[in-house]
Amino acid sequence: MAAPRRIWTTDKEDKLAELWQEQRALYDVSSSVYHDRVVRDDILQQIAQELQLSVQDVQTRMATLRTQFGKLIKEKASGSGFKQPTARQKWILQHLQFLKPFVLQRASQSSLELEDETSAQGGADSDMENDTDLSPGLERSSCDTPVEKEQLASGPPAFGNPSCRA
């Protein structure tokens, strides 16, 4: 299997960044023509012709670069350490600065925070343990109550009154 051909040279990427920056309709949601698909498609077609690439290639590269830029400007978690950006990362940060006001960072939550919220709300397990609502017509017998903690500690784990066991 042949290696994929490289269609994006450094010159083409530089030119893409330059052309992209000139067309606010491609990244500024407050622009009057941002939501006009016909205008945006025309702009992308012009850029693709100038770069001698397909519109799909241009759209894919723009999406990839925007994603990489968003990840690079995102604040790092405390204690994650500092790594020097690579030459590629420096290029992205330098050439795509025009996107910075338009890339919104979502608030993130760690899985630990989510676990704390679940346990603070009681969690699914505690809801079932506290469920004492009996259906109409059913009465609680002495065999329905759990064994006292002391009895559990002294013998095998069992539920219900020991005298109710079969």
N, C-alpha and C. Protein backbone atom coordinates (compact mmCIF):
# COMPACT_ATOMS: atom_id res chain seq x y z
N MET A 1 0.84 -1.17 0.00
CA MET A 1 0.00 0.00 0.00
C MET A 1 0.89 1.24 0.00
N ALA A 2 0.63 2.15 -0.88
CA ALA A 2 1.44 3.36 -1.01
C ALA A 2 1.11 4.34 0.11
N ALA A 3 2.12 5.10 0.50
CA ALA A 3 1.92 6.13 1.53
C ALA A 3 1.04 7.24 0.96
N PRO A 4 0.19 7.84 1.80
CA PRO A 4 -0.66 8.92 1.30
C PRO A 4 0.19 10.10 0.84
N ARG A 5 -0.24 10.70 -0.26
CA ARG A 5 0.53 11.84 -0.78
C ARG A 5 0.31 13.05 0.12
N ARG A 6 1.32 13.82 0.27
CA ARG A 6 1.25 15.01 1.12
C ARG A 6 0.83 16.18 0.25
N ILE A 7 -0.38 16.71 0.51
CA ILE A 7 -0.88 17.82 -0.30
C ILE A 7 -0.68 19.16 0.40
N TRP A 8 -0.41 19.12 1.71
CA TRP A 8 -0.26 20.37 2.46
C TRP A 8 1.22 20.67 2.69
N THR A 9 1.73 21.61 1.95
CA THR A 9 3.09 22.08 2.17
C THR A 9 3.03 23.24 3.16
N THR A 10 4.17 23.63 3.65
CA THR A 10 4.24 24.76 4.57
C THR A 10 3.72 26.03 3.89
N ASP A 11 4.07 26.21 2.62
CA ASP A 11 3.61 27.39 1.89
C ASP A 11 2.08 27.40 1.76
N LYS A 12 1.50 26.25 1.49
CA LYS A 12 0.05 26.19 1.34
C LYS A 12 -0.64 26.45 2.69
N GLU A 13 -0.08 25.94 3.75
CA GLU A 13 -0.68 26.20 5.06
C GLU A 13 -0.55 27.67 5.44
N ASP A 14 0.59 28.29 5.14
CA ASP A 14 0.75 29.72 5.38
C ASP A 14 -0.31 30.52 4.61
N LYS A 15 -0.49 30.14 3.35
CA LYS A 15 -1.46 30.83 2.50
C LYS A 15 -2.88 30.60 3.02
N LEU A 16 -3.18 29.39 3.44
CA LEU A 16 -4.50 29.09 4.00
C LEU A 16 -4.77 29.97 5.21
N ALA A 17 -3.82 30.07 6.12
CA ALA A 17 -4.00 30.90 7.32
C ALA A 17 -4.24 32.35 6.93
N GLU A 18 -3.53 32.83 5.95
CA GLU A 18 -3.68 34.21 5.49
C GLU A 18 -5.07 34.44 4.88
N LEU A 19 -5.48 33.55 3.99
CA LEU A 19 -6.79 33.68 3.34
C LEU A 19 -7.93 33.50 4.35
N TRP A 20 -7.75 32.59 5.27
CA TRP A 20 -8.75 32.32 6.30
C TRP A 20 -8.96 33.57 7.16
N GLN A 21 -7.87 34.21 7.56
CA GLN A 21 -7.96 35.39 8.41
C GLN A 21 -8.71 36.53 7.72
N GLU A 22 -8.58 36.63 6.41
CA GLU A 22 -9.24 37.69 5.65
C GLU A 22 -10.75 37.49 5.55
N GLN A 23 -11.22 36.28 5.79
CA GLN A 23 -12.65 35.96 5.61
C GLN A 23 -13.33 35.71 6.95
N ARG A 24 -13.78 36.79 7.59
CA ARG A 24 -14.43 36.68 8.91
C ARG A 24 -15.67 35.79 8.86
N ALA A 25 -16.28 35.70 7.70
CA ALA A 25 -17.49 34.88 7.57
C ALA A 25 -17.22 33.41 7.87
N LEU A 26 -15.97 33.00 7.88
CA LEU A 26 -15.62 31.61 8.14
C LEU A 26 -15.39 31.29 9.61
N TYR A 27 -15.28 32.33 10.46
CA TYR A 27 -15.00 32.05 11.87
C TYR A 27 -15.69 32.97 12.86
N ASP A 28 -16.28 34.07 12.42
CA ASP A 28 -16.93 35.03 13.32
C ASP A 28 -18.43 34.82 13.29
N VAL A 29 -18.98 34.20 14.33
CA VAL A 29 -20.41 33.89 14.36
C VAL A 29 -21.27 35.15 14.41
N SER A 30 -20.72 36.28 14.80
CA SER A 30 -21.49 37.52 14.83
C SER A 30 -21.50 38.22 13.47
N SER A 31 -20.75 37.69 12.51
CA SER A 31 -20.73 38.26 11.17
C SER A 31 -22.10 38.05 10.52
N SER A 32 -22.53 39.04 9.74
CA SER A 32 -23.86 38.96 9.11
C SER A 32 -23.95 37.82 8.10
N VAL A 33 -22.85 37.38 7.52
CA VAL A 33 -22.89 36.32 6.52
C VAL A 33 -22.39 34.96 7.05
N TYR A 34 -22.08 34.89 8.32
CA TYR A 34 -21.59 33.63 8.88
C TYR A 34 -22.58 32.50 8.65
N HIS A 35 -23.87 32.77 8.83
CA HIS A 35 -24.89 31.73 8.72
C HIS A 35 -25.43 31.57 7.30
N ASP A 36 -24.88 32.31 6.35
CA ASP A 36 -25.28 32.19 4.94
C ASP A 36 -24.40 31.13 4.27
N ARG A 37 -24.93 29.94 4.14
CA ARG A 37 -24.15 28.81 3.63
C ARG A 37 -23.65 29.05 2.21
N VAL A 38 -24.45 29.72 1.39
CA VAL A 38 -24.06 29.97 0.00
C VAL A 38 -22.81 30.85 -0.04
N VAL A 39 -22.80 31.91 0.75
CA VAL A 39 -21.64 32.82 0.79
C VAL A 39 -20.42 32.08 1.31
N ARG A 40 -20.59 31.31 2.38
CA ARG A 40 -19.46 30.57 2.95
C ARG A 40 -18.92 29.54 1.97
N ASP A 41 -19.81 28.85 1.28
CA ASP A 41 -19.36 27.87 0.28
C ASP A 41 -18.59 28.55 -0.85
N ASP A 42 -19.05 29.74 -1.26
CA ASP A 42 -18.34 30.49 -2.30
C ASP A 42 -16.94 30.88 -1.84
N ILE A 43 -16.84 31.32 -0.60
CA ILE A 43 -15.52 31.71 -0.05
C ILE A 43 -14.60 30.49 -0.01
N LEU A 44 -15.12 29.37 0.47
CA LEU A 44 -14.30 28.15 0.53
C LEU A 44 -13.88 27.70 -0.86
N GLN A 45 -14.76 27.85 -1.83
CA GLN A 45 -14.43 27.49 -3.21
C GLN A 45 -13.28 28.36 -3.73
N GLN A 46 -13.33 29.66 -3.44
CA GLN A 46 -12.26 30.58 -3.87
C GLN A 46 -10.93 30.20 -3.23
N ILE A 47 -10.97 29.91 -1.94
CA ILE A 47 -9.74 29.53 -1.24
C ILE A 47 -9.19 28.23 -1.83
N ALA A 48 -10.06 27.27 -2.06
CA ALA A 48 -9.63 25.98 -2.62
C ALA A 48 -9.01 26.18 -4.01
N GLN A 49 -9.59 27.03 -4.83
CA GLN A 49 -9.03 27.29 -6.16
C GLN A 49 -7.65 27.94 -6.06
N GLU A 50 -7.53 28.88 -5.15
CA GLU A 50 -6.24 29.56 -5.01
C GLU A 50 -5.15 28.60 -4.53
N LEU A 51 -5.54 27.67 -3.68
CA LEU A 51 -4.57 26.70 -3.15
C LEU A 51 -4.43 25.48 -4.06
N GLN A 52 -5.27 25.40 -5.08
CA GLN A 52 -5.29 24.27 -6.01
C GLN A 52 -5.55 22.95 -5.28
N LEU A 53 -6.56 23.00 -4.41
CA LEU A 53 -6.98 21.83 -3.64
C LEU A 53 -8.50 21.72 -3.71
N SER A 54 -9.02 20.62 -3.22
CA SER A 54 -10.48 20.46 -3.18
C SER A 54 -11.04 21.22 -1.97
N VAL A 55 -12.32 21.56 -2.07
CA VAL A 55 -12.98 22.25 -0.96
C VAL A 55 -12.96 21.36 0.28
N GLN A 56 -13.17 20.07 0.08
CA GLN A 56 -13.15 19.12 1.21
C GLN A 56 -11.79 19.12 1.91
N ASP A 57 -10.71 19.15 1.16
CA ASP A 57 -9.37 19.20 1.76
C ASP A 57 -9.19 20.47 2.58
N VAL A 58 -9.66 21.59 2.05
CA VAL A 58 -9.53 22.87 2.74
C VAL A 58 -10.36 22.87 4.02
N GLN A 59 -11.60 22.40 3.94
CA GLN A 59 -12.46 22.35 5.12
C GLN A 59 -11.87 21.44 6.20
N THR A 60 -11.36 20.30 5.79
CA THR A 60 -10.78 19.36 6.74
C THR A 60 -9.56 19.97 7.44
N ARG A 61 -8.69 20.62 6.66
CA ARG A 61 -7.50 21.22 7.25
C ARG A 61 -7.87 22.36 8.20
N MET A 62 -8.86 23.17 7.82
CA MET A 62 -9.30 24.26 8.69
C MET A 62 -9.85 23.72 10.01
N ALA A 63 -10.65 22.68 9.94
CA ALA A 63 -11.22 22.09 11.15
C ALA A 63 -10.12 21.50 12.03
N THR A 64 -9.16 20.85 11.41
CA THR A 64 -8.05 20.26 12.16
C THR A 64 -7.21 21.33 12.84
N LEU A 65 -6.88 22.37 12.11
CA LEU A 65 -6.07 23.45 12.67
C LEU A 65 -6.81 24.17 13.81
N ARG A 66 -8.10 24.38 13.62
CA ARG A 66 -8.89 25.07 14.66
C ARG A 66 -8.94 24.22 15.93
N THR A 67 -9.11 22.92 15.78
CA THR A 67 -9.12 22.03 16.93
C THR A 67 -7.77 22.04 17.65
N GLN A 68 -6.69 21.96 16.90
CA GLN A 68 -5.35 21.98 17.49
C GLN A 68 -5.11 23.31 18.20
N PHE A 69 -5.55 24.41 17.58
CA PHE A 69 -5.37 25.72 18.20
C PHE A 69 -6.15 25.80 19.52
N GLY A 70 -7.38 25.32 19.52
CA GLY A 70 -8.18 25.33 20.74
C GLY A 70 -7.54 24.54 21.86
N LYS A 71 -6.93 23.41 21.53
CA LYS A 71 -6.25 22.61 22.55
C LYS A 71 -5.00 23.30 23.08
N LEU A 72 -4.32 24.03 22.21
CA LEU A 72 -3.09 24.70 22.62
C LEU A 72 -3.35 25.90 23.53
N ILE A 73 -4.47 26.58 23.33
CA ILE A 73 -4.73 27.77 24.15
C ILE A 73 -5.50 27.43 25.42
N LYS A 74 -5.94 26.19 25.53
CA LYS A 74 -6.67 25.76 26.72
C LYS A 74 -5.75 25.76 27.93
N GLU A 75 -6.29 26.24 29.05
CA GLU A 75 -5.49 26.24 30.28
C GLU A 75 -5.22 24.81 30.72
N LYS A 76 -4.00 24.58 31.11
CA LYS A 76 -3.61 23.24 31.56
C LYS A 76 -4.03 23.06 33.02
N ALA A 77 -4.30 21.83 33.39
CA ALA A 77 -4.67 21.51 34.76
C ALA A 77 -3.49 21.80 35.70
N SER A 78 -3.81 22.18 36.90
CA SER A 78 -2.80 22.45 37.89
C SER A 78 -1.94 21.21 38.12
N GLY A 79 -0.65 21.40 38.11
CA GLY A 79 0.26 20.29 38.36
C GLY A 79 0.54 19.44 37.15
N SER A 80 0.04 19.83 35.98
CA SER A 80 0.25 19.00 34.80
C SER A 80 1.63 19.22 34.19
N GLY A 81 2.34 20.20 34.69
CA GLY A 81 3.69 20.44 34.18
C GLY A 81 3.70 21.29 32.93
N PHE A 82 4.86 21.77 32.57
CA PHE A 82 5.00 22.62 31.40
C PHE A 82 5.89 21.91 30.39
N LYS A 83 5.42 21.88 29.15
CA LYS A 83 6.22 21.31 28.07
C LYS A 83 6.43 22.41 27.04
N GLN A 84 7.63 22.48 26.52
CA GLN A 84 7.91 23.44 25.45
C GLN A 84 7.09 23.06 24.22
N PRO A 85 6.44 24.04 23.59
CA PRO A 85 5.69 23.71 22.37
C PRO A 85 6.63 23.29 21.24
N THR A 86 6.14 22.39 20.42
CA THR A 86 6.91 21.94 19.27
C THR A 86 6.90 23.04 18.20
N ALA A 87 7.71 22.87 17.17
CA ALA A 87 7.75 23.85 16.08
C ALA A 87 6.37 23.95 15.43
N ARG A 88 5.70 22.83 15.27
CA ARG A 88 4.35 22.81 14.69
C ARG A 88 3.37 23.58 15.57
N GLN A 89 3.42 23.34 16.86
CA GLN A 89 2.54 24.04 17.79
C GLN A 89 2.81 25.54 17.79
N LYS A 90 4.07 25.92 17.71
CA LYS A 90 4.40 27.35 17.64
C LYS A 90 3.83 27.97 16.38
N TRP A 91 3.91 27.26 15.26
CA TRP A 91 3.36 27.76 14.01
C TRP A 91 1.86 27.99 14.14
N ILE A 92 1.16 27.01 14.72
CA ILE A 92 -0.29 27.12 14.89
C ILE A 92 -0.63 28.30 15.79
N LEU A 93 0.06 28.43 16.90
CA LEU A 93 -0.20 29.55 17.82
C LEU A 93 0.06 30.90 17.16
N GLN A 94 1.09 30.99 16.36
CA GLN A 94 1.45 32.24 15.72
C GLN A 94 0.48 32.60 14.60
N HIS A 95 0.12 31.66 13.75
CA HIS A 95 -0.67 31.96 12.57
C HIS A 95 -2.18 31.97 12.78
N LEU A 96 -2.64 31.41 13.88
CA LEU A 96 -4.09 31.35 14.10
C LEU A 96 -4.57 32.21 15.27
N GLN A 97 -3.77 33.19 15.66
CA GLN A 97 -4.16 34.08 16.74
C GLN A 97 -5.48 34.80 16.46
N PHE A 98 -5.81 35.01 15.21
CA PHE A 98 -7.05 35.68 14.87
C PHE A 98 -8.28 34.90 15.33
N LEU A 99 -8.13 33.61 15.58
CA LEU A 99 -9.24 32.78 16.05
C LEU A 99 -9.48 32.88 17.56
N LYS A 100 -8.51 33.37 18.29
CA LYS A 100 -8.58 33.33 19.75
C LYS A 100 -9.86 33.92 20.33
N PRO A 101 -10.32 35.09 19.87
CA PRO A 101 -11.57 35.62 20.45
C PRO A 101 -12.81 34.79 20.11
N PHE A 102 -12.69 33.89 19.15
CA PHE A 102 -13.85 33.13 18.68
C PHE A 102 -13.85 31.68 19.13
N VAL A 103 -12.81 31.26 19.80
CA VAL A 103 -12.74 29.89 20.31
C VAL A 103 -13.13 29.94 21.78
N LEU A 104 -14.27 29.35 22.09
CA LEU A 104 -14.76 29.35 23.46
C LEU A 104 -14.36 28.06 24.14
N GLN A 105 -13.84 28.18 25.34
CA GLN A 105 -13.45 27.01 26.11
C GLN A 105 -14.60 26.61 27.01
N ARG A 106 -14.97 25.36 26.97
CA ARG A 106 -16.02 24.86 27.85
C ARG A 106 -15.42 24.55 29.22
N ALA A 107 -16.24 24.73 30.23
CA ALA A 107 -15.79 24.38 31.57
C ALA A 107 -15.67 22.86 31.64
N SER A 108 -14.61 22.40 32.27
CA SER A 108 -14.40 20.96 32.36
C SER A 108 -14.57 20.52 33.81
N GLN A 109 -14.93 19.26 33.97
CA GLN A 109 -15.04 18.67 35.29
C GLN A 109 -14.26 17.38 35.29
N SER A 110 -13.58 17.14 36.38
CA SER A 110 -12.87 15.87 36.48
C SER A 110 -13.86 14.79 36.90
N SER A 111 -13.51 13.57 36.68
CA SER A 111 -14.38 12.47 37.08
C SER A 111 -14.51 12.42 38.60
N LEU A 112 -13.51 12.91 39.31
CA LEU A 112 -13.59 12.94 40.77
C LEU A 112 -14.68 13.89 41.23
N GLU A 113 -14.80 15.04 40.56
CA GLU A 113 -15.85 15.99 40.91
C GLU A 113 -17.22 15.39 40.66
N LEU A 114 -17.36 14.63 39.58
CA LEU A 114 -18.64 14.01 39.27
C LEU A 114 -19.00 12.97 40.32
N GLU A 115 -18.02 12.21 40.81
CA GLU A 115 -18.28 11.22 41.85
C GLU A 115 -18.72 11.89 43.14
N ASP A 116 -18.08 13.03 43.48
CA ASP A 116 -18.45 13.75 44.69
C ASP A 116 -19.89 14.24 44.61
N GLU A 117 -20.30 14.74 43.45
CA GLU A 117 -21.67 15.22 43.29
C GLU A 117 -22.66 14.08 43.43
N THR A 118 -22.35 12.92 42.89
CA THR A 118 -23.24 11.77 42.98
C THR A 118 -23.41 11.34 44.42
N SER A 119 -22.32 11.26 45.17
CA SER A 119 -22.43 10.83 46.56
C SER A 119 -23.12 11.89 47.41
N ALA A 120 -22.97 13.16 47.07
CA ALA A 120 -23.64 14.22 47.82
C ALA A 120 -25.15 14.18 47.59
N GLN A 121 -25.56 13.73 46.40
CA GLN A 121 -26.99 13.63 46.09
C GLN A 121 -27.58 12.36 46.65
N GLY A 122 -26.80 11.50 47.17
CA GLY A 122 -27.30 10.28 47.77
C GLY A 122 -27.03 9.05 46.94
N GLY A 123 -26.85 9.21 45.67
CA GLY A 123 -26.55 8.07 44.80
C GLY A 123 -27.74 7.14 44.67
N ALA A 124 -27.70 6.27 43.74
CA ALA A 124 -28.80 5.34 43.48
C ALA A 124 -28.93 4.31 44.59
N ASP A 125 -27.82 3.86 45.16
CA ASP A 125 -27.85 2.81 46.18
C ASP A 125 -28.56 3.28 47.43
N SER A 126 -28.29 4.52 47.87
CA SER A 126 -28.90 4.99 49.11
C SER A 126 -30.39 5.21 48.94
N ASP A 127 -30.85 5.51 47.74
CA ASP A 127 -32.28 5.68 47.50
C ASP A 127 -33.01 4.36 47.71
N MET A 128 -32.40 3.25 47.28
CA MET A 128 -33.04 1.96 47.42
C MET A 128 -33.05 1.51 48.88
N GLU A 129 -32.01 1.83 49.61
CA GLU A 129 -31.94 1.42 51.01
C GLU A 129 -32.98 2.14 51.85
N ASN A 130 -33.28 3.37 51.52
CA ASN A 130 -34.21 4.16 52.30
C ASN A 130 -35.64 4.01 51.82
N ASP A 131 -35.89 3.17 50.85
CA ASP A 131 -37.23 3.01 50.30
C ASP A 131 -38.06 2.18 51.26
N THR A 132 -38.98 2.80 52.00
CA THR A 132 -39.82 2.09 52.97
C THR A 132 -41.27 2.10 52.55
N ASP A 133 -41.56 2.62 51.38
CA ASP A 133 -42.93 2.69 50.91
C ASP A 133 -43.39 1.30 50.49
N LEU A 134 -44.43 0.80 51.14
CA LEU A 134 -44.96 -0.51 50.81
C LEU A 134 -46.17 -0.33 49.92
N SER A 135 -46.37 -1.27 49.03
CA SER A 135 -47.55 -1.22 48.17
C SER A 135 -48.80 -1.37 49.02
N PRO A 136 -49.93 -0.78 48.59
CA PRO A 136 -51.17 -0.93 49.38
C PRO A 136 -51.53 -2.40 49.54
N GLY A 137 -51.98 -2.74 50.70
CA GLY A 137 -52.39 -4.11 50.97
C GLY A 137 -51.28 -4.98 51.52
N LEU A 138 -50.02 -4.53 51.45
CA LEU A 138 -48.93 -5.31 52.01
C LEU A 138 -48.56 -4.74 53.36
N GLU A 139 -48.38 -5.61 54.29
CA GLU A 139 -47.99 -5.17 55.62
C GLU A 139 -46.60 -5.70 55.91
N ARG A 140 -45.89 -4.97 56.74
CA ARG A 140 -44.55 -5.38 57.11
C ARG A 140 -44.64 -6.38 58.25
N SER A 141 -43.92 -7.48 58.11
CA SER A 141 -43.87 -8.46 59.19
C SER A 141 -42.53 -8.34 59.88
N SER A 142 -42.36 -9.04 60.96
CA SER A 142 -41.09 -8.99 61.68
C SER A 142 -39.97 -9.60 60.85
N CYS A 143 -40.30 -10.40 59.84
CA CYS A 143 -39.30 -11.03 58.99
C CYS A 143 -38.79 -10.09 57.91
N ASP A 144 -39.43 -8.91 57.75
CA ASP A 144 -39.02 -7.97 56.72
C ASP A 144 -37.91 -7.02 57.18
N THR A 145 -37.61 -7.00 58.47
CA THR A 145 -36.63 -6.05 58.96
C THR A 145 -35.24 -6.65 58.90
N PRO A 146 -34.20 -5.84 58.60
CA PRO A 146 -32.84 -6.38 58.56
C PRO A 146 -32.34 -6.76 59.95
N VAL A 147 -31.45 -7.68 59.98
CA VAL A 147 -30.85 -8.14 61.22
C VAL A 147 -30.02 -7.00 61.81
N GLU A 148 -30.02 -6.88 63.11
CA GLU A 148 -29.23 -5.85 63.78
C GLU A 148 -27.76 -6.01 63.46
N LYS A 149 -27.02 -4.93 63.50
CA LYS A 149 -25.60 -4.94 63.18
C LYS A 149 -24.83 -5.91 64.07
N GLU A 150 -25.22 -5.98 65.32
CA GLU A 150 -24.51 -6.87 66.24
C GLU A 150 -24.67 -8.33 65.81
N GLN A 151 -25.87 -8.68 65.34
CA GLN A 151 -26.09 -10.05 64.92
C GLN A 151 -25.29 -10.36 63.65
N LEU A 152 -25.19 -9.37 62.77
CA LEU A 152 -24.41 -9.56 61.55
C LEU A 152 -22.95 -9.79 61.86
N ALA A 153 -22.43 -9.05 62.84
CA ALA A 153 -21.03 -9.16 63.19
C ALA A 153 -20.72 -10.53 63.82
N SER A 154 -21.68 -11.08 64.53
CA SER A 154 -21.40 -12.33 65.23
C SER A 154 -21.65 -13.57 64.39
N GLY A 155 -22.46 -13.47 63.35
CA GLY A 155 -22.77 -14.65 62.56
C GLY A 155 -22.63 -14.37 61.08
N PRO A 156 -23.05 -15.36 60.28
CA PRO A 156 -22.97 -15.18 58.84
C PRO A 156 -23.94 -14.07 58.40
N PRO A 157 -23.60 -13.37 57.34
CA PRO A 157 -24.46 -12.28 56.90
C PRO A 157 -25.80 -12.83 56.43
N ALA A 158 -26.85 -12.27 57.00
CA ALA A 158 -28.20 -12.68 56.64
C ALA A 158 -29.13 -11.52 56.85
N PHE A 159 -30.21 -11.53 56.15
CA PHE A 159 -31.20 -10.48 56.32
C PHE A 159 -32.47 -11.11 56.87
N GLY A 160 -33.19 -10.29 57.55
CA GLY A 160 -34.43 -10.77 58.14
C GLY A 160 -34.19 -11.30 59.54
N ASN A 161 -35.23 -11.53 60.21
CA ASN A 161 -35.18 -12.04 61.58
C ASN A 161 -34.65 -13.47 61.53
N PRO A 162 -33.65 -13.81 62.36
CA PRO A 162 -33.09 -15.17 62.33
C PRO A 162 -34.15 -16.25 62.54
N SER A 163 -35.18 -15.93 63.26
CA SER A 163 -36.21 -16.95 63.49
C SER A 163 -37.08 -17.16 62.24
N CYS A 164 -36.98 -16.29 61.25
CA CYS A 164 -37.78 -16.41 60.02
C CYS A 164 -37.06 -17.20 58.95
N ARG A 165 -35.79 -17.54 59.16
CA ARG A 165 -35.03 -18.28 58.15
C ARG A 165 -35.56 -19.69 58.00
N ALA A 166 -35.57 -20.16 56.77
CA ALA A 166 -36.07 -21.51 56.54
C ALA A 166 -34.97 -22.51 56.61
